[in-house]
Amino acid sequence: RLFAIARISYGNAIKRACEKAGVKPFTPHALRHTTATRLVDIVGLEAAQQVLGHSQAAMTRHYSKSAEKQALDAVRKLG
Protein backbone atom coordinates (compact mmCIF):
# COMPACT_ATOMS: atom_id res chain seq x y z
CA ARG A 1 0.00 0.00 0.00
CA LEU A 2 1.16 3.46 -0.83
CA PHE A 3 -0.88 5.17 1.87
CA ALA A 4 -2.09 3.76 5.19
CA ILE A 5 -5.57 5.25 4.78
CA ALA A 6 -8.76 3.92 3.24
CA ARG A 7 -9.33 4.60 -0.46
CA ILE A 8 -12.45 6.68 0.23
CA SER A 9 -10.55 8.79 2.78
CA TYR A 10 -7.80 9.43 0.23
CA GLY A 11 -10.38 10.46 -2.38
CA ASN A 12 -12.09 12.76 0.09
CA ALA A 13 -8.76 14.35 1.05
CA ILE A 14 -8.05 15.07 -2.62
CA LYS A 15 -11.54 16.54 -3.06
CA ARG A 16 -11.11 18.85 -0.05
CA ALA A 17 -7.66 19.94 -1.22
CA CYS A 18 -9.01 20.73 -4.69
CA GLU A 19 -11.85 22.78 -3.23
CA LYS A 20 -9.42 24.65 -0.99
CA ALA A 21 -7.12 25.33 -3.97
CA GLY A 22 -10.05 26.40 -6.14
CA VAL A 23 -9.44 23.77 -8.82
CA LYS A 24 -11.78 21.24 -10.38
CA PRO A 25 -11.86 18.10 -8.20
CA PHE A 26 -10.41 14.88 -9.60
CA THR A 27 -10.22 11.27 -8.47
CA PRO A 28 -7.23 9.16 -7.41
CA HIS A 29 -7.85 7.09 -10.54
CA ALA A 30 -7.41 10.22 -12.67
CA LEU A 31 -3.94 10.62 -11.14
CA ARG A 32 -3.05 7.04 -12.03
CA HIS A 33 -4.47 7.40 -15.54
CA THR A 34 -2.54 10.61 -16.20
CA THR A 35 0.67 9.13 -14.83
CA ALA A 36 0.24 5.96 -16.88
CA THR A 37 -0.37 7.92 -20.09
CA ARG A 38 2.71 10.06 -19.49
CA LEU A 39 4.81 7.00 -18.62
CA VAL A 40 3.92 5.27 -21.88
CA ASP A 41 4.78 8.42 -23.81
CA ILE A 42 8.08 9.01 -22.00
CA VAL A 43 9.59 5.56 -21.33
CA GLY A 44 7.64 3.29 -23.67
CA LEU A 45 5.18 0.46 -23.27
CA GLU A 46 7.37 -2.19 -21.63
CA ALA A 47 8.89 0.05 -18.97
CA ALA A 48 5.50 1.60 -18.20
CA GLN A 49 3.99 -1.88 -17.87
CA GLN A 50 6.59 -2.77 -15.23
CA VAL A 51 6.13 0.47 -13.28
CA LEU A 52 2.35 0.16 -13.32
CA GLY A 53 2.40 -3.52 -12.37
CA HIS A 54 0.26 -4.67 -15.30
CA SER A 55 0.59 -8.38 -16.03
CA GLN A 56 -0.72 -7.88 -19.57
CA ALA A 57 0.73 -5.38 -22.07
CA ALA A 58 -2.78 -4.85 -23.45
CA MET A 59 -3.79 -2.98 -20.28
CA THR A 60 -0.79 -0.68 -20.55
CA ARG A 61 -1.43 -0.22 -24.28
CA HIS A 62 -4.84 1.20 -23.34
CA TYR A 63 -3.08 4.31 -22.01
CA SER A 64 -1.06 4.62 -25.18
CA LYS A 65 -4.27 4.64 -27.23
CA SER A 66 -5.68 7.33 -24.98
CA ALA A 67 -2.70 9.59 -25.68
CA GLU A 68 -2.95 8.86 -29.41
CA LYS A 69 -6.65 9.80 -29.47
CA GLN A 70 -5.97 13.05 -27.62
CA ALA A 71 -3.22 13.93 -30.09
CA LEU A 72 -5.50 13.26 -33.07
CA ASP A 73 -8.27 15.34 -31.50
CA ALA A 74 -5.85 18.22 -30.99
CA VAL A 75 -4.67 18.07 -34.61
CA ARG A 76 -8.25 18.00 -35.88
CA LYS A 77 -9.02 21.13 -33.87
CA LEU A 78 -6.18 22.90 -35.64
CA GLY A 79 -7.84 22.17 -38.97
PDB file of N, CA and C in Angstrom:
ATOM      1  N   ARG A   1       0.828  -1.186   0.000  1.00  0.00           N
ATOM      2  CA  ARG A   1       0.000   0.000   0.000  1.00  0.00           C
ATOM      3  C   ARG A   1       0.870   1.246   0.000  1.00  0.00           C
ATOM      4  N   LEU A   2       0.441   2.193  -0.768  1.00  0.00           N
ATOM      5  CA  LEU A   2       1.158   3.455  -0.832  1.00  0.00           C
ATOM      6  C   LEU A   2       0.821   4.337   0.372  1.00  0.00           C
ATOM      7  N   PHE A   3      -0.437   4.361   0.750  1.00  0.00           N
ATOM      8  CA  PHE A   3      -0.881   5.172   1.875  1.00  0.00           C
ATOM      9  C   PHE A   3      -1.594   4.275   2.868  1.00  0.00           C
ATOM     10  N   ALA A   4      -1.451   4.564   4.156  1.00  0.00           N
ATOM     11  CA  ALA A   4      -2.086   3.760   5.195  1.00  0.00           C
ATOM     12  C   ALA A   4      -3.459   4.318   5.559  1.00  0.00           C
ATOM     13  N   ILE A   5      -4.205   4.764   4.551  1.00  0.00           N
ATOM     14  CA  ILE A   5      -5.567   5.252   4.777  1.00  0.00           C
ATOM     15  C   ILE A   5      -6.497   4.566   3.784  1.00  0.00           C
ATOM     16  N   ALA A   6      -7.771   4.560   4.118  1.00  0.00           N
ATOM     17  CA  ALA A   6      -8.756   3.924   3.239  1.00  0.00           C
ATOM     18  C   ALA A   6      -8.870   4.699   1.933  1.00  0.00           C
ATOM     19  N   ARG A   7      -9.211   3.989   0.872  1.00  0.00           N
ATOM     20  CA  ARG A   7      -9.334   4.597  -0.456  1.00  0.00           C
ATOM     21  C   ARG A   7     -10.317   5.775  -0.447  1.00  0.00           C
ATOM     22  N   ILE A   8     -11.452   5.607   0.209  1.00  0.00           N
ATOM     23  CA  ILE A   8     -12.451   6.679   0.232  1.00  0.00           C
ATOM     24  C   ILE A   8     -11.905   7.900   0.977  1.00  0.00           C
ATOM     25  N   SER A   9     -11.140   7.681   2.037  1.00  0.00           N
ATOM     26  CA  SER A   9     -10.551   8.793   2.782  1.00  0.00           C
ATOM     27  C   SER A   9      -9.549   9.547   1.915  1.00  0.00           C
ATOM     28  N   TYR A  10      -8.769   8.813   1.134  1.00  0.00           N
ATOM     29  CA  TYR A  10      -7.798   9.430   0.234  1.00  0.00           C
ATOM     30  C   TYR A  10      -8.520  10.277  -0.812  1.00  0.00           C
ATOM     31  N   GLY A  11      -9.580   9.730  -1.389  1.00  0.00           N
ATOM     32  CA  GLY A  11     -10.378  10.456  -2.376  1.00  0.00           C
ATOM     33  C   GLY A  11     -10.994  11.711  -1.782  1.00  0.00           C
ATOM     34  N   ASN A  12     -11.495  11.600  -0.571  1.00  0.00           N
ATOM     35  CA  ASN A  12     -12.093  12.760   0.092  1.00  0.00           C
ATOM     36  C   ASN A  12     -11.047  13.821   0.401  1.00  0.00           C
ATOM     37  N   ALA A  13      -9.847  13.400   0.776  1.00  0.00           N
ATOM     38  CA  ALA A  13      -8.765  14.351   1.050  1.00  0.00           C
ATOM     39  C   ALA A  13      -8.396  15.113  -0.219  1.00  0.00           C
ATOM     40  N   ILE A  14      -8.347  14.415  -1.346  1.00  0.00           N
ATOM     41  CA  ILE A  14      -8.052  15.074  -2.617  1.00  0.00           C
ATOM     42  C   ILE A  14      -9.162  16.072  -2.952  1.00  0.00           C
ATOM     43  N   LYS A  15     -10.403  15.660  -2.752  1.00  0.00           N
ATOM     44  CA  LYS A  15     -11.539  16.544  -3.058  1.00  0.00           C
ATOM     45  C   LYS A  15     -11.470  17.821  -2.218  1.00  0.00           C
ATOM     46  N   ARG A  16     -11.205  17.678  -0.929  1.00  0.00           N
ATOM     47  CA  ARG A  16     -11.110  18.852  -0.051  1.00  0.00           C
ATOM     48  C   ARG A  16      -9.943  19.757  -0.458  1.00  0.00           C
ATOM     49  N   ALA A  17      -8.819  19.153  -0.804  1.00  0.00           N
ATOM     50  CA  ALA A  17      -7.656  19.939  -1.222  1.00  0.00           C
ATOM     51  C   ALA A  17      -7.952  20.703  -2.509  1.00  0.00           C
ATOM     52  N   CYS A  18      -8.646  20.068  -3.441  1.00  0.00           N
ATOM     53  CA  CYS A  18      -9.009  20.731  -4.695  1.00  0.00           C
ATOM     54  C   CYS A  18      -9.937  21.906  -4.430  1.00  0.00           C
ATOM     55  N   GLU A  19     -10.926  21.697  -3.557  1.00  0.00           N
ATOM     56  CA  GLU A  19     -11.854  22.779  -3.228  1.00  0.00           C
ATOM     57  C   GLU A  19     -11.115  23.938  -2.573  1.00  0.00           C
ATOM     58  N   LYS A  20     -10.193  23.616  -1.669  1.00  0.00           N
ATOM     59  CA  LYS A  20      -9.417  24.650  -0.987  1.00  0.00           C
ATOM     60  C   LYS A  20      -8.532  25.418  -1.967  1.00  0.00           C
ATOM     61  N   ALA A  21      -7.999  24.702  -2.969  1.00  0.00           N
ATOM     62  CA  ALA A  21      -7.122  25.330  -3.968  1.00  0.00           C
ATOM     63  C   ALA A  21      -7.909  26.022  -5.078  1.00  0.00           C
ATOM     64  N   GLY A  22      -9.222  25.781  -5.113  1.00  0.00           N
ATOM     65  CA  GLY A  22     -10.049  26.401  -6.144  1.00  0.00           C
ATOM     66  C   GLY A  22      -9.887  25.777  -7.516  1.00  0.00           C
ATOM     67  N   VAL A  23      -9.562  24.474  -7.535  1.00  0.00           N
ATOM     68  CA  VAL A  23      -9.436  23.770  -8.817  1.00  0.00           C
ATOM     69  C   VAL A  23     -10.509  22.700  -8.921  1.00  0.00           C
ATOM     70  N   LYS A  24     -10.774  22.272 -10.143  1.00  0.00           N
ATOM     71  CA  LYS A  24     -11.780  21.243 -10.377  1.00  0.00           C
ATOM     72  C   LYS A  24     -11.343  19.935  -9.701  1.00  0.00           C
ATOM     73  N   PRO A  25     -12.215  19.346  -8.876  1.00  0.00           N
ATOM     74  CA  PRO A  25     -11.859  18.097  -8.201  1.00  0.00           C
ATOM     75  C   PRO A  25     -11.597  16.957  -9.191  1.00  0.00           C
ATOM     76  N   PHE A  26     -10.726  16.054  -8.802  1.00  0.00           N
ATOM     77  CA  PHE A  26     -10.414  14.879  -9.601  1.00  0.00           C
ATOM     78  C   PHE A  26     -10.317  13.673  -8.679  1.00  0.00           C
ATOM     79  N   THR A  27     -10.257  12.495  -9.256  1.00  0.00           N
ATOM     80  CA  THR A  27     -10.221  11.268  -8.473  1.00  0.00           C
ATOM     81  C   THR A  27      -8.805  10.701  -8.414  1.00  0.00           C
ATOM     82  N   PRO A  28      -8.529   9.837  -7.436  1.00  0.00           N
ATOM     83  CA  PRO A  28      -7.228   9.164  -7.406  1.00  0.00           C
ATOM     84  C   PRO A  28      -6.970   8.387  -8.702  1.00  0.00           C
ATOM     85  N   HIS A  29      -8.020   7.824  -9.288  1.00  0.00           N
ATOM     86  CA  HIS A  29      -7.854   7.091 -10.539  1.00  0.00           C
ATOM     87  C   HIS A  29      -7.376   8.030 -11.654  1.00  0.00           C
ATOM     88  N   ALA A  30      -7.854   9.259 -11.652  1.00  0.00           N
ATOM     89  CA  ALA A  30      -7.414  10.222 -12.669  1.00  0.00           C
ATOM     90  C   ALA A  30      -5.912  10.462 -12.558  1.00  0.00           C
ATOM     91  N   LEU A  31      -5.387  10.480 -11.328  1.00  0.00           N
ATOM     92  CA  LEU A  31      -3.941  10.624 -11.142  1.00  0.00           C
ATOM     93  C   LEU A  31      -3.201   9.442 -11.753  1.00  0.00           C
ATOM     94  N   ARG A  32      -3.695   8.242 -11.487  1.00  0.00           N
ATOM     95  CA  ARG A  32      -3.055   7.035 -12.028  1.00  0.00           C
ATOM     96  C   ARG A  32      -3.132   7.037 -13.552  1.00  0.00           C
ATOM     97  N   HIS A  33      -4.281   7.399 -14.092  1.00  0.00           N
ATOM     98  CA  HIS A  33      -4.467   7.401 -15.536  1.00  0.00           C
ATOM     99  C   HIS A  33      -3.517   8.403 -16.204  1.00  0.00           C
ATOM    100  N   THR A  34      -3.430   9.594 -15.646  1.00  0.00           N
ATOM    101  CA  THR A  34      -2.542  10.614 -16.202  1.00  0.00           C
ATOM    102  C   THR A  34      -1.092  10.163 -16.130  1.00  0.00           C
ATOM    103  N   THR A  35      -0.704   9.610 -14.989  1.00  0.00           N
ATOM    104  CA  THR A  35       0.669   9.131 -14.830  1.00  0.00           C
ATOM    105  C   THR A  35       0.963   8.005 -15.807  1.00  0.00           C
ATOM    106  N   ALA A  36       0.033   7.081 -15.958  1.00  0.00           N
ATOM    107  CA  ALA A  36       0.237   5.955 -16.875  1.00  0.00           C
ATOM    108  C   ALA A  36       0.394   6.442 -18.309  1.00  0.00           C
ATOM    109  N   THR A  37      -0.450   7.387 -18.726  1.00  0.00           N
ATOM    110  CA  THR A  37      -0.368   7.918 -20.089  1.00  0.00           C
ATOM    111  C   THR A  37       0.979   8.583 -20.320  1.00  0.00           C
ATOM    112  N   ARG A  38       1.413   9.375 -19.355  1.00  0.00           N
ATOM    113  CA  ARG A  38       2.709  10.055 -19.493  1.00  0.00           C
ATOM    114  C   ARG A  38       3.859   9.060 -19.493  1.00  0.00           C
ATOM    115  N   LEU A  39       3.770   8.023 -18.648  1.00  0.00           N
ATOM    116  CA  LEU A  39       4.813   7.002 -18.620  1.00  0.00           C
ATOM    117  C   LEU A  39       4.972   6.330 -19.976  1.00  0.00           C
ATOM    118  N   VAL A  40       3.859   5.927 -20.567  1.00  0.00           N
ATOM    119  CA  VAL A  40       3.916   5.266 -21.877  1.00  0.00           C
ATOM    120  C   VAL A  40       4.579   6.187 -22.892  1.00  0.00           C
ATOM    121  N   ASP A  41       4.202   7.459 -22.868  1.00  0.00           N
ATOM    122  CA  ASP A  41       4.777   8.420 -23.812  1.00  0.00           C
ATOM    123  C   ASP A  41       6.266   8.642 -23.578  1.00  0.00           C
ATOM    124  N   ILE A  42       6.697   8.660 -22.327  1.00  0.00           N
ATOM    125  CA  ILE A  42       8.080   9.006 -21.996  1.00  0.00           C
ATOM    126  C   ILE A  42       9.032   7.808 -22.051  1.00  0.00           C
ATOM    127  N   VAL A  43       8.649   6.688 -21.441  1.00  0.00           N
ATOM    128  CA  VAL A  43       9.588   5.563 -21.334  1.00  0.00           C
ATOM    129  C   VAL A  43       9.219   4.368 -22.204  1.00  0.00           C
ATOM    130  N   GLY A  44       8.046   4.402 -22.822  1.00  0.00           N
ATOM    131  CA  GLY A  44       7.640   3.290 -23.672  1.00  0.00           C
ATOM    132  C   GLY A  44       6.759   2.290 -22.952  1.00  0.00           C
ATOM    133  N   LEU A  45       6.181   1.411 -23.754  1.00  0.00           N
ATOM    134  CA  LEU A  45       5.185   0.462 -23.271  1.00  0.00           C
ATOM    135  C   LEU A  45       5.738  -0.521 -22.237  1.00  0.00           C
ATOM    136  N   GLU A  46       6.869  -1.145 -22.525  1.00  0.00           N
ATOM    137  CA  GLU A  46       7.373  -2.187 -21.633  1.00  0.00           C
ATOM    138  C   GLU A  46       7.781  -1.646 -20.268  1.00  0.00           C
ATOM    139  N   ALA A  47       8.482  -0.535 -20.252  1.00  0.00           N
ATOM    140  CA  ALA A  47       8.892   0.047 -18.966  1.00  0.00           C
ATOM    141  C   ALA A  47       7.670   0.517 -18.183  1.00  0.00           C
ATOM    142  N   ALA A  48       6.719   1.133 -18.865  1.00  0.00           N
ATOM    143  CA  ALA A  48       5.495   1.598 -18.201  1.00  0.00           C
ATOM    144  C   ALA A  48       4.736   0.410 -17.620  1.00  0.00           C
ATOM    145  N   GLN A  49       4.680  -0.685 -18.349  1.00  0.00           N
ATOM    146  CA  GLN A  49       3.989  -1.881 -17.871  1.00  0.00           C
ATOM    147  C   GLN A  49       4.596  -2.353 -16.549  1.00  0.00           C
ATOM    148  N   GLN A  50       5.919  -2.341 -16.459  1.00  0.00           N
ATOM    149  CA  GLN A  50       6.589  -2.769 -15.233  1.00  0.00           C
ATOM    150  C   GLN A  50       6.293  -1.822 -14.071  1.00  0.00           C
ATOM    151  N   VAL A  51       6.380  -0.525 -14.328  1.00  0.00           N
ATOM    152  CA  VAL A  51       6.133   0.468 -13.278  1.00  0.00           C
ATOM    153  C   VAL A  51       4.701   0.377 -12.770  1.00  0.00           C
ATOM    154  N   LEU A  52       3.762   0.201 -13.683  1.00  0.00           N
ATOM    155  CA  LEU A  52       2.345   0.163 -13.318  1.00  0.00           C
ATOM    156  C   LEU A  52       1.907  -1.168 -12.728  1.00  0.00           C
ATOM    157  N   GLY A  53       2.725  -2.200 -12.920  1.00  0.00           N
ATOM    158  CA  GLY A  53       2.395  -3.516 -12.372  1.00  0.00           C
ATOM    159  C   GLY A  53       1.354  -4.274 -13.163  1.00  0.00           C
ATOM    160  N   HIS A  54       1.219  -3.949 -14.456  1.00  0.00           N
ATOM    161  CA  HIS A  54       0.264  -4.672 -15.296  1.00  0.00           C
ATOM    162  C   HIS A  54       0.860  -6.001 -15.733  1.00  0.00           C
ATOM    163  N   SER A  55       0.100  -7.071 -15.594  1.00  0.00           N
ATOM    164  CA  SER A  55       0.589  -8.375 -16.034  1.00  0.00           C
ATOM    165  C   SER A  55       0.440  -8.541 -17.543  1.00  0.00           C
ATOM    166  N   GLN A  56      -0.483  -7.798 -18.135  1.00  0.00           N
ATOM    167  CA  GLN A  56      -0.719  -7.876 -19.574  1.00  0.00           C
ATOM    168  C   GLN A  56      -0.381  -6.542 -20.237  1.00  0.00           C
ATOM    169  N   ALA A  57       0.363  -6.596 -21.332  1.00  0.00           N
ATOM    170  CA  ALA A  57       0.726  -5.378 -22.067  1.00  0.00           C
ATOM    171  C   ALA A  57      -0.511  -4.683 -22.631  1.00  0.00           C
ATOM    172  N   ALA A  58      -1.562  -5.433 -22.881  1.00  0.00           N
ATOM    173  CA  ALA A  58      -2.782  -4.853 -23.447  1.00  0.00           C
ATOM    174  C   ALA A  58      -3.359  -3.778 -22.527  1.00  0.00           C
ATOM    175  N   MET A  59      -3.269  -3.979 -21.215  1.00  0.00           N
ATOM    176  CA  MET A  59      -3.791  -2.981 -20.285  1.00  0.00           C
ATOM    177  C   MET A  59      -2.965  -1.705 -20.377  1.00  0.00           C
ATOM    178  N   THR A  60      -1.667  -1.841 -20.443  1.00  0.00           N
ATOM    179  CA  THR A  60      -0.792  -0.677 -20.553  1.00  0.00           C
ATOM    180  C   THR A  60      -1.001   0.011 -21.899  1.00  0.00           C
ATOM    181  N   ARG A  61      -1.212  -0.763 -22.942  1.00  0.00           N
ATOM    182  CA  ARG A  61      -1.434  -0.216 -24.283  1.00  0.00           C
ATOM    183  C   ARG A  61      -2.680   0.673 -24.315  1.00  0.00           C
ATOM    184  N   HIS A  62      -3.623   0.386 -23.449  1.00  0.00           N
ATOM    185  CA  HIS A  62      -4.840   1.203 -23.343  1.00  0.00           C
ATOM    186  C   HIS A  62      -4.481   2.677 -23.124  1.00  0.00           C
ATOM    187  N   TYR A  63      -3.493   2.933 -22.292  1.00  0.00           N
ATOM    188  CA  TYR A  63      -3.084   4.308 -22.013  1.00  0.00           C
ATOM    189  C   TYR A  63      -2.412   4.936 -23.218  1.00  0.00           C
ATOM    190  N   SER A  64      -1.713   4.138 -23.965  1.00  0.00           N
ATOM    191  CA  SER A  64      -1.063   4.618 -25.176  1.00  0.00           C
ATOM    192  C   SER A  64      -2.121   5.045 -26.192  1.00  0.00           C
ATOM    193  N   LYS A  65      -3.176   4.293 -26.311  1.00  0.00           N
ATOM    194  CA  LYS A  65      -4.267   4.640 -27.232  1.00  0.00           C
ATOM    195  C   LYS A  65      -4.955   5.921 -26.790  1.00  0.00           C
ATOM    196  N   SER A  66      -5.060   6.112 -25.494  1.00  0.00           N
ATOM    197  CA  SER A  66      -5.678   7.328 -24.985  1.00  0.00           C
ATOM    198  C   SER A  66      -4.872   8.549 -25.413  1.00  0.00           C
ATOM    199  N   ALA A  67      -3.569   8.475 -25.290  1.00  0.00           N
ATOM    200  CA  ALA A  67      -2.705   9.589 -25.679  1.00  0.00           C
ATOM    201  C   ALA A  67      -2.787   9.823 -27.178  1.00  0.00           C
ATOM    202  N   GLU A  68      -2.849   8.740 -27.949  1.00  0.00           N
ATOM    203  CA  GLU A  68      -2.948   8.857 -29.409  1.00  0.00           C
ATOM    204  C   GLU A  68      -4.256   9.551 -29.802  1.00  0.00           C
ATOM    205  N   LYS A  69      -5.357   9.181 -29.169  1.00  0.00           N
ATOM    206  CA  LYS A  69      -6.647   9.802 -29.474  1.00  0.00           C
ATOM    207  C   LYS A  69      -6.619  11.289 -29.137  1.00  0.00           C
ATOM    208  N   GLN A  70      -6.044  11.640 -28.002  1.00  0.00           N
ATOM    209  CA  GLN A  70      -5.968  13.048 -27.618  1.00  0.00           C
ATOM    210  C   GLN A  70      -5.135  13.840 -28.618  1.00  0.00           C
ATOM    211  N   ALA A  71      -4.063  13.245 -29.102  1.00  0.00           N
ATOM    212  CA  ALA A  71      -3.218  13.927 -30.090  1.00  0.00           C
ATOM    213  C   ALA A  71      -3.986  14.139 -31.391  1.00  0.00           C
ATOM    214  N   LEU A  72      -4.710  13.125 -31.841  1.00  0.00           N
ATOM    215  CA  LEU A  72      -5.498  13.257 -33.071  1.00  0.00           C
ATOM    216  C   LEU A  72      -6.591  14.314 -32.915  1.00  0.00           C
ATOM    217  N   ASP A  73      -7.239  14.329 -31.765  1.00  0.00           N
ATOM    218  CA  ASP A  73      -8.268  15.339 -31.505  1.00  0.00           C
ATOM    219  C   ASP A  73      -7.678  16.750 -31.563  1.00  0.00           C
ATOM    220  N   ALA A  74      -6.499  16.916 -30.988  1.00  0.00           N
ATOM    221  CA  ALA A  74      -5.848  18.216 -30.989  1.00  0.00           C
ATOM    222  C   ALA A  74      -5.506  18.667 -32.394  1.00  0.00           C
ATOM    223  N   VAL A  75      -5.012  17.742 -33.222  1.00  0.00           N
ATOM    224  CA  VAL A  75      -4.667  18.072 -34.606  1.00  0.00           C
ATOM    225  C   VAL A  75      -5.911  18.426 -35.396  1.00  0.00           C
ATOM    226  N   ARG A  76      -6.994  17.709 -35.167  1.00  0.00           N
ATOM    227  CA  ARG A  76      -8.250  18.002 -35.880  1.00  0.00           C
ATOM    228  C   ARG A  76      -8.758  19.395 -35.526  1.00  0.00           C
ATOM    229  N   LYS A  77      -8.589  19.816 -34.282  1.00  0.00           N
ATOM    230  CA  LYS A  77      -9.024  21.131 -33.873  1.00  0.00           C
ATOM    231  C   LYS A  77      -8.230  22.238 -34.580  1.00  0.00           C
ATOM    232  N   LEU A  78      -6.991  21.928 -34.922  1.00  0.00           N
ATOM    233  CA  LEU A  78      -6.175  22.899 -35.643  1.00  0.00           C
ATOM    234  C   LEU A  78      -6.648  23.086 -37.072  1.00  0.00           C
ATOM    235  N   GLY A  79      -7.309  22.072 -37.603  1.00  0.00           N
ATOM    236  CA  GLY A  79      -7.840  22.169 -38.967  1.00  0.00           C
ATOM    237  C   GLY A  79      -6.890  21.589 -39.906  1.00  0.00           C
TER     238      GLY A  79
END
